[in-house]
Each structure stands twice: as C-alpha cells, then as structure tokens.
PDB file of N, CA and C in Angstrom:
ATOM      1  N   MET A   1    -115.746 136.949 111.709  1.00  0.00           N
ATOM      2  CA  MET A   1    -115.020 137.806 110.927  1.00  0.00           C
ATOM      3  C   MET A   1    -113.822 136.605 110.066  1.00  0.00           C
ATOM      4  N   ALA A   2    -113.028 136.208 111.314  1.00  0.00           N
ATOM      5  CA  ALA A   2    -111.865 136.004 111.219  1.00  0.00           C
ATOM      6  C   ALA A   2    -111.713 134.649 109.831  1.00  0.00           C
ATOM      7  N   GLY A   3    -113.091 134.011 109.895  1.00  0.00           N
ATOM      8  CA  GLY A   3    -113.287 132.870 108.967  1.00  0.00           C
ATOM      9  C   GLY A   3    -113.524 133.154 107.156  1.00  0.00           C
ATOM     10  N   GLN A   4    -113.736 134.429 106.928  1.00  0.00           N
ATOM     11  CA  GLN A   4    -113.510 135.006 105.723  1.00  0.00           C
ATOM     12  C   GLN A   4    -112.320 134.903 105.279  1.00  0.00           C
ATOM     13  N   ILE A   5    -111.762 134.925 103.838  1.00  0.00           N
ATOM     14  CA  ILE A   5    -110.642 135.140 103.208  1.00  0.00           C
ATOM     15  C   ILE A   5    -110.613 136.602 103.214  1.00  0.00           C
ATOM     16  N   TRP A   6    -111.401 137.396 102.991  1.00  0.00           N
ATOM     17  CA  TRP A   6    -111.440 138.745 103.113  1.00  0.00           C
ATOM     18  C   TRP A   6    -110.892 139.329 104.403  1.00  0.00           C
ATOM     19  N   ALA A   7    -110.752 138.644 105.463  1.00  0.00           N
ATOM     20  CA  ALA A   7    -110.535 139.527 106.274  1.00  0.00           C
ATOM     21  C   ALA A   7    -109.422 139.344 107.160  1.00  0.00           C
ATOM     22  N   ILE A   8    -108.683 138.650 106.225  1.00  0.00           N
ATOM     23  CA  ILE A   8    -107.318 138.090 106.903  1.00  0.00           C
ATOM     24  C   ILE A   8    -106.380 139.108 106.165  1.00  0.00           C
ATOM     25  N   TRP A   9    -105.641 139.737 106.702  1.00  0.00           N
ATOM     26  CA  TRP A   9    -104.517 140.705 106.142  1.00  0.00           C
ATOM     27  C   TRP A   9    -103.839 140.308 105.365  1.00  0.00           C
ATOM     28  N   TRP A  10    -102.879 139.176 105.481  1.00  0.00           N
ATOM     29  CA  TRP A  10    -101.908 138.653 104.669  1.00  0.00           C
ATOM     30  C   TRP A  10    -102.417 138.078 103.254  1.00  0.00           C
ATOM     31  N   ALA A  11    -103.899 137.900 103.134  1.00  0.00           N
ATOM     32  CA  ALA A  11    -104.312 137.580 101.799  1.00  0.00           C
ATOM     33  C   ALA A  11    -104.210 138.528 101.230  1.00  0.00           C
ATOM     34  N   TRP A  12    -104.543 139.796 101.465  1.00  0.00           N
ATOM     35  CA  TRP A  12    -104.562 141.175 100.553  1.00  0.00           C
ATOM     36  C   TRP A  12    -103.248 141.084 100.436  1.00  0.00           C
ATOM     37  N   ILE A  13    -102.244 141.011 101.199  1.00  0.00           N
ATOM     38  CA  ILE A  13    -100.932 141.454 100.637  1.00  0.00           C
ATOM     39  C   ILE A  13    -100.302 140.351 100.006  1.00  0.00           C
ATOM     40  N   VAL A  14    -100.789 139.001  99.565  1.00  0.00           N
ATOM     41  CA  VAL A  14    -100.709 138.155  98.871  1.00  0.00           C
ATOM     42  C   VAL A  14    -101.123 138.259  97.491  1.00  0.00           C
ATOM     43  N   ALA A  15    -102.344 139.055  97.695  1.00  0.00           N
ATOM     44  CA  ALA A  15    -103.022 139.316  96.309  1.00  0.00           C
ATOM     45  C   ALA A  15    -102.145 140.445  95.470  1.00  0.00           C
ATOM     46  N   GLY A  16    -101.708 141.803  96.243  1.00  0.00           N
ATOM     47  CA  GLY A  16    -100.740 142.698  95.593  1.00  0.00           C
ATOM     48  C   GLY A  16     -99.737 142.108  95.129  1.00  0.00           C
ATOM     49  N   LEU A  17     -98.849 141.091  96.229  1.00  0.00           N
ATOM     50  CA  LEU A  17     -97.702 140.782  95.391  1.00  0.00           C
ATOM     51  C   LEU A  17     -97.773 139.802  94.287  1.00  0.00           C
ATOM     52  N   VAL A  18     -98.812 139.081  93.847  1.00  0.00           N
ATOM     53  CA  VAL A  18     -99.498 138.543  92.418  1.00  0.00           C
ATOM     54  C   VAL A  18     -99.653 139.456  91.625  1.00  0.00           C
ATOM     55  N   LEU A  19    -100.292 140.732  91.849  1.00  0.00           N
ATOM     56  CA  LEU A  19    -100.451 141.799  91.103  1.00  0.00           C
ATOM     57  C   LEU A  19     -99.421 142.168  90.658  1.00  0.00           C
ATOM     58  N   ALA A  20     -98.315 142.292  91.490  1.00  0.00           N
ATOM     59  CA  ALA A  20     -97.303 143.224  91.059  1.00  0.00           C
ATOM     60  C   ALA A  20     -96.322 142.176  90.305  1.00  0.00           C
ATOM     61  N   ILE A  21     -96.633 140.832  90.552  1.00  0.00           N
ATOM     62  CA  ILE A  21     -95.872 139.919  89.541  1.00  0.00           C
ATOM     63  C   ILE A  21     -96.498 139.560  88.426  1.00  0.00           C
ATOM     64  N   ILE A  22     -97.950 139.741  88.266  1.00  0.00           N
ATOM     65  CA  ILE A  22     -98.330 139.791  86.899  1.00  0.00           C
ATOM     66  C   ILE A  22     -98.041 140.997  86.225  1.00  0.00           C
ATOM     67  N   GLU A  23     -97.543 142.320  86.716  1.00  0.00           N
ATOM     68  CA  GLU A  23     -97.165 143.898  86.147  1.00  0.00           C
ATOM     69  C   GLU A  23     -96.326 143.803  85.471  1.00  0.00           C
ATOM     70  N   ILE A  24     -95.187 142.593  86.283  1.00  0.00           N
ATOM     71  CA  ILE A  24     -93.742 142.487  85.388  1.00  0.00           C
ATOM     72  C   ILE A  24     -94.080 141.797  84.076  1.00  0.00           C
ATOM     73  N   PHE A  25     -94.814 141.098  83.751  1.00  0.00           N
ATOM     74  CA  PHE A  25     -95.023 140.375  82.465  1.00  0.00           C
ATOM     75  C   PHE A  25     -95.706 141.031  81.500  1.00  0.00           C
ATOM     76  N   ALA A  26     -96.782 142.108  82.187  1.00  0.00           N
ATOM     77  CA  ALA A  26     -97.870 142.922  81.621  1.00  0.00           C
ATOM     78  C   ALA A  26     -97.283 144.134  81.118  1.00  0.00           C
ATOM     79  N   PRO A  27     -96.950 144.674  80.170  1.00  0.00           N
ATOM     80  CA  PRO A  27     -96.597 146.064  80.164  1.00  0.00           C
ATOM     81  C   PRO A  27     -97.714 147.439  79.832  1.00  0.00           C
ATOM     82  N   GLY A  28     -97.305 148.686  80.381  1.00  0.00           N
ATOM     83  CA  GLY A  28     -98.346 149.408  80.849  1.00  0.00           C
ATOM     84  C   GLY A  28     -98.643 149.707  81.988  1.00  0.00           C
ATOM     85  N   PHE A  29     -98.329 149.314  83.176  1.00  0.00           N
ATOM     86  CA  PHE A  29     -98.169 149.673  84.604  1.00  0.00           C
ATOM     87  C   PHE A  29    -100.101 149.800  84.928  1.00  0.00           C
ATOM     88  N   PHE A  30    -100.490 148.892  84.425  1.00  0.00           N
ATOM     89  CA  PHE A  30    -101.801 148.410  84.293  1.00  0.00           C
ATOM     90  C   PHE A  30    -102.364 147.998  85.645  1.00  0.00           C
ATOM     91  N   PHE A  31    -101.449 146.590  86.156  1.00  0.00           N
ATOM     92  CA  PHE A  31    -101.901 145.847  87.331  1.00  0.00           C
ATOM     93  C   PHE A  31    -100.955 146.779  88.651  1.00  0.00           C
ATOM     94  N   LEU A  32    -100.398 147.678  88.256  1.00  0.00           N
ATOM     95  CA  LEU A  32     -99.581 148.222  89.457  1.00  0.00           C
ATOM     96  C   LEU A  32    -100.495 148.781  90.419  1.00  0.00           C
ATOM     97  N   GLY A  33    -101.612 150.084  89.692  1.00  0.00           N
ATOM     98  CA  GLY A  33    -102.278 150.182  90.956  1.00  0.00           C
ATOM     99  C   GLY A  33    -102.947 149.663  91.481  1.00  0.00           C
ATOM    100  N   PHE A  34    -103.682 148.549  91.377  1.00  0.00           N
ATOM    101  CA  PHE A  34    -104.271 147.523  91.875  1.00  0.00           C
ATOM    102  C   PHE A  34    -103.262 146.393  92.747  1.00  0.00           C
ATOM    103  N   ALA A  35    -102.017 146.430  92.608  1.00  0.00           N
ATOM    104  CA  ALA A  35    -101.165 145.830  93.601  1.00  0.00           C
ATOM    105  C   ALA A  35    -100.798 146.764  94.774  1.00  0.00           C
ATOM    106  N   ILE A  36    -101.003 147.964  94.579  1.00  0.00           N
ATOM    107  CA  ILE A  36    -100.765 148.989  95.275  1.00  0.00           C
ATOM    108  C   ILE A  36    -102.302 149.060  96.472  1.00  0.00           C
ATOM    109  N   GLY A  37    -103.319 148.619  95.696  1.00  0.00           N
ATOM    110  CA  GLY A  37    -104.478 149.229  96.328  1.00  0.00           C
ATOM    111  C   GLY A  37    -104.678 147.653  97.109  1.00  0.00           C
ATOM    112  N   ALA A  38    -104.413 146.681  96.642  1.00  0.00           N
ATOM    113  CA  ALA A  38    -104.728 145.563  97.466  1.00  0.00           C
ATOM    114  C   ALA A  38    -103.522 145.495  98.710  1.00  0.00           C
ATOM    115  N   GLY A  39    -102.502 145.704  98.484  1.00  0.00           N
ATOM    116  CA  GLY A  39    -101.432 146.280  99.860  1.00  0.00           C
ATOM    117  C   GLY A  39    -102.090 147.283 100.823  1.00  0.00           C
ATOM    118  N   VAL A  40    -102.448 148.380 100.130  1.00  0.00           N
ATOM    119  CA  VAL A  40    -103.053 149.349 100.927  1.00  0.00           C
ATOM    120  C   VAL A  40    -104.491 148.319 101.918  1.00  0.00           C
ATOM    121  N   THR A  41    -105.251 147.851 101.331  1.00  0.00           N
ATOM    122  CA  THR A  41    -106.114 147.605 101.930  1.00  0.00           C
ATOM    123  C   THR A  41    -105.607 146.368 103.000  1.00  0.00           C
ATOM    124  N   GLY A  42    -104.668 145.644 102.827  1.00  0.00           N
ATOM    125  CA  GLY A  42    -104.423 144.528 103.754  1.00  0.00           C
ATOM    126  C   GLY A  42    -103.767 145.154 104.985  1.00  0.00           C
ATOM    127  N   ILE A  43    -102.968 146.441 104.688  1.00  0.00           N
ATOM    128  CA  ILE A  43    -102.649 147.211 106.135  1.00  0.00           C
ATOM    129  C   ILE A  43    -104.229 147.671 106.466  1.00  0.00           C
ATOM    130  N   VAL A  44    -104.830 148.236 105.716  1.00  0.00           N
ATOM    131  CA  VAL A  44    -106.303 148.631 106.807  1.00  0.00           C
ATOM    132  C   VAL A  44    -106.820 147.127 107.754  1.00  0.00           C
ATOM    133  N   VAL A  45    -106.771 146.324 107.149  1.00  0.00           N
ATOM    134  CA  VAL A  45    -107.002 145.315 107.728  1.00  0.00           C
ATOM    135  C   VAL A  45    -106.448 144.660 108.601  1.00  0.00           C
ATOM    136  N   MET A  46    -105.215 145.174 108.243  1.00  0.00           N
ATOM    137  CA  MET A  46    -103.730 144.699 109.453  1.00  0.00           C
ATOM    138  C   MET A  46    -104.266 145.163 110.861  1.00  0.00           C
ATOM    139  N   THR A  47    -104.520 146.684 110.594  1.00  0.00           N
ATOM    140  CA  THR A  47    -104.779 147.418 111.464  1.00  0.00           C
ATOM    141  C   THR A  47    -106.141 147.281 112.081  1.00  0.00           C
ATOM    142  N   GLY A  48    -107.229 147.053 111.759  1.00  0.00           N
ATOM    143  CA  GLY A  48    -108.698 146.556 112.565  1.00  0.00           C
ATOM    144  C   GLY A  48    -109.396 147.869 111.988  1.00  0.00           C
ATOM    145  N   LEU A  49    -108.980 148.704 111.201  1.00  0.00           N
ATOM    146  CA  LEU A  49    -109.631 150.147 111.028  1.00  0.00           C
ATOM    147  C   LEU A  49    -110.993 149.717 110.039  1.00  0.00           C
ATOM    148  N   ALA A  50    -111.189 148.518 109.452  1.00  0.00           N
ATOM    149  CA  ALA A  50    -112.153 148.043 108.683  1.00  0.00           C
ATOM    150  C   ALA A  50    -112.621 146.793 108.974  1.00  0.00           C
ATOM    151  N   SER A  51    -113.736 146.426 108.879  1.00  0.00           N
ATOM    152  CA  SER A  51    -114.127 144.949 109.172  1.00  0.00           C
ATOM    153  C   SER A  51    -115.365 144.519 108.108  1.00  0.00           C
ATOM    154  N   SER A  52    -115.703 144.949 107.447  1.00  0.00           N
ATOM    155  CA  SER A  52    -116.638 144.689 106.800  1.00  0.00           C
ATOM    156  C   SER A  52    -116.308 144.224 105.108  1.00  0.00           C
ATOM    157  N   LEU A  53    -116.954 143.564 104.436  1.00  0.00           N
ATOM    158  CA  LEU A  53    -116.570 143.394 102.826  1.00  0.00           C
ATOM    159  C   LEU A  53    -116.836 144.851 101.814  1.00  0.00           C
ATOM    160  N   PRO A  54    -118.032 145.047 102.259  1.00  0.00           N
ATOM    161  CA  PRO A  54    -118.417 146.787 101.383  1.00  0.00           C
ATOM    162  C   PRO A  54    -117.104 147.471 101.522  1.00  0.00           C
ATOM    163  N   VAL A  55    -116.759 148.079 102.856  1.00  0.00           N
ATOM    164  CA  VAL A  55    -116.225 148.656 103.258  1.00  0.00           C
ATOM    165  C   VAL A  55    -114.492 148.698 102.750  1.00  0.00           C
ATOM    166  N   LEU A  56    -113.999 147.192 102.484  1.00  0.00           N
ATOM    167  CA  LEU A  56    -112.536 146.817 102.255  1.00  0.00           C
ATOM    168  C   LEU A  56    -112.903 147.176 100.369  1.00  0.00           C
ATOM    169  N   LEU A  57    -113.911 147.034 100.106  1.00  0.00           N
ATOM    170  CA  LEU A  57    -114.280 147.007  98.475  1.00  0.00           C
ATOM    171  C   LEU A  57    -113.859 148.169  97.990  1.00  0.00           C
ATOM    172  N   VAL A  58    -114.575 149.170  98.965  1.00  0.00           N
ATOM    173  CA  VAL A  58    -114.293 150.355  98.335  1.00  0.00           C
ATOM    174  C   VAL A  58    -113.197 151.100  98.555  1.00  0.00           C
ATOM    175  N   ILE A  59    -112.314 150.507  99.850  1.00  0.00           N
ATOM    176  CA  ILE A  59    -111.306 151.063 100.263  1.00  0.00           C
ATOM    177  C   ILE A  59    -110.186 150.587  99.178  1.00  0.00           C
ATOM    178  N   PHE A  60    -110.444 148.946  98.895  1.00  0.00           N
ATOM    179  CA  PHE A  60    -109.696 148.615  97.753  1.00  0.00           C
ATOM    180  C   PHE A  60    -109.498 149.238  96.199  1.00  0.00           C
ATOM    181  N   ALA A  61    -110.707 149.620  96.090  1.00  0.00           N
ATOM    182  CA  ALA A  61    -111.342 150.452  94.578  1.00  0.00           C
ATOM    183  C   ALA A  61    -110.706 151.892  94.803  1.00  0.00           C
ATOM    184  N   LEU A  62    -110.860 152.758  95.828  1.00  0.00           N
ATOM    185  CA  LEU A  62    -110.252 154.048  95.878  1.00  0.00           C
ATOM    186  C   LEU A  62    -108.655 154.284  95.777  1.00  0.00           C
ATOM    187  N   SER A  63    -108.305 153.310  96.916  1.00  0.00           N
ATOM    188  CA  SER A  63    -106.777 153.346  96.842  1.00  0.00           C
ATOM    189  C   SER A  63    -106.249 152.753  95.666  1.00  0.00           C
ATOM    190  N   SER A  64    -106.781 151.821  94.586  1.00  0.00           N
ATOM    191  CA  SER A  64    -106.152 151.391  93.315  1.00  0.00           C
ATOM    192  C   SER A  64    -106.521 152.693  92.628  1.00  0.00           C
ATOM    193  N   ALA A  65    -107.523 153.377  92.536  1.00  0.00           N
ATOM    194  CA  ALA A  65    -107.710 154.410  91.407  1.00  0.00           C
ATOM    195  C   ALA A  65    -106.769 155.500  91.455  1.00  0.00           C
ATOM    196  N   VAL A  66    -106.572 155.967  93.075  1.00  0.00           N
ATOM    197  CA  VAL A  66    -105.143 156.841  93.704  1.00  0.00           C
ATOM    198  C   VAL A  66    -104.051 156.296  92.938  1.00  0.00           C
ATOM    199  N   ALA A  67    -103.769 155.439  93.376  1.00  0.00           N
ATOM    200  CA  ALA A  67    -102.532 154.658  92.904  1.00  0.00           C
ATOM    201  C   ALA A  67    -102.053 154.274  91.624  1.00  0.00           C
ATOM    202  N   TRP A  68    -103.537 154.136  90.652  1.00  0.00           N
ATOM    203  CA  TRP A  68    -103.125 154.058  89.390  1.00  0.00           C
ATOM    204  C   TRP A  68    -103.212 155.410  88.863  1.00  0.00           C
ATOM    205  N   PHE A  69    -103.705 156.401  89.099  1.00  0.00           N
ATOM    206  CA  PHE A  69    -103.532 157.655  88.606  1.00  0.00           C
ATOM    207  C   PHE A  69    -102.097 158.295  88.559  1.00  0.00           C
ATOM    208  N   VAL A  70    -101.648 157.984  90.116  1.00  0.00           N
ATOM    209  CA  VAL A  70    -100.104 158.665  90.535  1.00  0.00           C
ATOM    210  C   VAL A  70     -99.212 158.047  89.697  1.00  0.00           C
ATOM    211  N   VAL A  71     -99.179 156.336  89.785  1.00  0.00           N
ATOM    212  CA  VAL A  71     -98.097 155.742  88.797  1.00  0.00           C
ATOM    213  C   VAL A  71     -98.435 156.336  87.489  1.00  0.00           C
ATOM    214  N   ARG A  72     -99.699 156.461  86.574  1.00  0.00           N
ATOM    215  CA  ARG A  72     -99.657 156.959  85.240  1.00  0.00           C
ATOM    216  C   ARG A  72     -99.181 158.069  85.325  1.00  0.00           C
ATOM    217  N   ARG A  73     -98.939 159.022  86.239  1.00  0.00           N
ATOM    218  CA  ARG A  73     -98.533 160.291  86.120  1.00  0.00           C
ATOM    219  C   ARG A  73     -97.283 160.720  86.175  1.00  0.00           C
ATOM    220  N   LEU A  74     -96.787 159.641  87.204  1.00  0.00           N
ATOM    221  CA  LEU A  74     -94.707 159.377  87.541  1.00  0.00           C
ATOM    222  C   LEU A  74     -94.660 158.897  86.359  1.00  0.00           C
ATOM    223  N   VAL A  75     -94.872 157.751  85.493  1.00  0.00           N
ATOM    224  CA  VAL A  75     -94.713 156.757  84.272  1.00  0.00           C
ATOM    225  C   VAL A  75     -95.016 156.555  83.634  1.00  0.00           C
ATOM    226  N   GLY A  76     -96.213 157.080  82.942  1.00  0.00           N
ATOM    227  CA  GLY A  76     -97.239 157.223  82.178  1.00  0.00           C
ATOM    228  C   GLY A  76     -96.884 157.624  80.794  1.00  0.00           C
ATOM    229  N   VAL A  77     -97.801 157.841  79.939  1.00  0.00           N
ATOM    230  CA  VAL A  77     -97.140 158.816  78.624  1.00  0.00           C
ATOM    231  C   VAL A  77     -96.881 159.820  79.462  1.00  0.00           C
ATOM    232  N   ARG A  78     -95.682 160.400  78.101  1.00  0.00           N
ATOM    233  CA  ARG A  78     -94.992 162.004  78.564  1.00  0.00           C
ATOM    234  C   ARG A  78     -95.497 162.447  77.329  1.00  0.00           C
ATOM    235  N   GLU A  79     -95.820 163.699  77.531  1.00  0.00           N
ATOM    236  CA  GLU A  79     -96.002 164.592  76.081  1.00  0.00           C
ATOM    237  C   GLU A  79     -94.402 164.661  74.998  1.00  0.00           C
ATOM    238  N   GLY A  80     -95.012 164.330  73.917  1.00  0.00           N
ATOM    239  CA  GLY A  80     -94.335 164.062  72.694  1.00  0.00           C
ATOM    240  C   GLY A  80     -93.898 162.501  72.461  1.00  0.00           C
ATOM    241  N   GLN A  81     -94.712 161.799  73.100  1.00  0.00           N
ATOM    242  CA  GLN A  81     -94.797 160.286  72.903  1.00  0.00           C
ATOM    243  C   GLN A  81     -95.770 159.862  72.249  1.00  0.00           C
ATOM    244  N   VAL A  82     -96.722 160.747  71.706  1.00  0.00           N
ATOM    245  CA  VAL A  82     -97.669 159.954  70.435  1.00  0.00           C
ATOM    246  C   VAL A  82     -97.088 159.737  69.360  1.00  0.00           C
ATOM    247  N   LYS A  83     -97.694 158.879  68.821  1.00  0.00           N
ATOM    248  CA  LYS A  83     -97.036 158.823  67.941  1.00  0.00           C
ATOM    249  C   LYS A  83     -98.432 159.178  66.790  1.00  0.00           C
ATOM    250  N   ILE A  84     -97.687 159.880  65.552  1.00  0.00           N
ATOM    251  CA  ILE A  84     -98.788 160.416  64.599  1.00  0.00           C
ATOM    252  C   ILE A  84     -98.761 159.662  63.433  1.00  0.00           C
ATOM    253  N   TRP A  85     -99.485 158.880  63.088  1.00  0.00           N
ATOM    254  CA  TRP A  85     -99.181 157.981  61.506  1.00  0.00           C
ATOM    255  C   TRP A  85     -99.216 158.633  60.179  1.00  0.00           C
ATOM    256  N   ASP A  86     -98.773 159.063  59.492  1.00  0.00           N
ATOM    257  CA  ASP A  86     -98.844 159.800  58.489  1.00  0.00           C
ATOM    258  C   ASP A  86     -99.286 158.782  57.034  1.00  0.00           C
ATOM    259  N   ARG A  87     -98.859 157.545  57.400  1.00  0.00           N
ATOM    260  CA  ARG A  87     -99.511 156.645  56.454  1.00  0.00           C
ATOM    261  C   ARG A  87     -99.471 155.392  56.784  1.00  0.00           C
ATOM    262  N   ASP A  88    -100.337 154.675  55.941  1.00  0.00           N
ATOM    263  CA  ASP A  88    -100.916 153.477  56.351  1.00  0.00           C
ATOM    264  C   ASP A  88     -99.846 152.022  55.652  1.00  0.00           C
ATOM    265  N   ILE A  89     -99.729 151.092  56.964  1.00  0.00           N
ATOM    266  CA  ILE A  89     -98.997 150.162  56.123  1.00  0.00           C
ATOM    267  C   ILE A  89     -99.907 149.180  55.468  1.00  0.00           C
ATOM    268  N   ASN A  90    -100.731 148.995  54.991  1.00  0.00           N
ATOM    269  CA  ASN A  90    -101.371 148.473  54.333  1.00  0.00           C
ATOM    270  C   ASN A  90    -101.726 149.420  52.842  1.00  0.00           C
ATOM    271  N   ASN A  91    -101.238 150.349  52.636  1.00  0.00           N
ATOM    272  CA  ASN A  91    -101.273 150.829  51.653  1.00  0.00           C
ATOM    273  C   ASN A  91    -100.041 150.747  50.798  1.00  0.00           C
ATOM    274  N   ASN A  92     -99.705 150.384  49.588  1.00  0.00           N
ATOM    275  CA  ASN A  92     -98.430 149.867  49.279  1.00  0.00           C
ATOM    276  C   ASN A  92     -98.364 150.776  47.461  1.00  0.00           C
TER     277      ASN A  92
END
C-alpha cells in the first residue's frame, strides 16, 4: 500500500494546497471545495481509516461535495445579487 501515491497522506495535503492556490487565481470559490476534500482525505489517510483507492475516492468526492455546498452557502450568491438585464448591449 505504501508504494502508491494515493496512499501517501502528504500527497493529498499537497494536492489540497495546490487546489487552494489555484482558487486564489480562479474566481467563484470553485476549487476551494476540492481543496478541502483533498485535505480531509489526507487526514483520513494519515489516521489509517481508509486504505483502498475506491474508498479514498468516495471520501474525496463526498467531502468535496459537502465542503463545496457549505462554502457556497456561506460566501456564494446572496439574495439580490441576481442581475436582471433589461436591454441587450448589441441593440444600438
């Protein structure tokens, strides 16, 4: 198990940090959920609670989805932010 990159806890943490850095340059809090999911998966691997790739991918997917929804709820689109266009810029 120790030979595969997905079984090394710090690889998940590094992936989370890389995704968090990408989030700085990409607007919309899209990569932040994946960064949190990778961090959670790294912690799970570090504690030894999961050992197989399919289980780790499910943990990553579920934790990323939950983190994305929580982040979106906290800092996402608020009421009143929806722009209603009443004219087209192409109509002169």
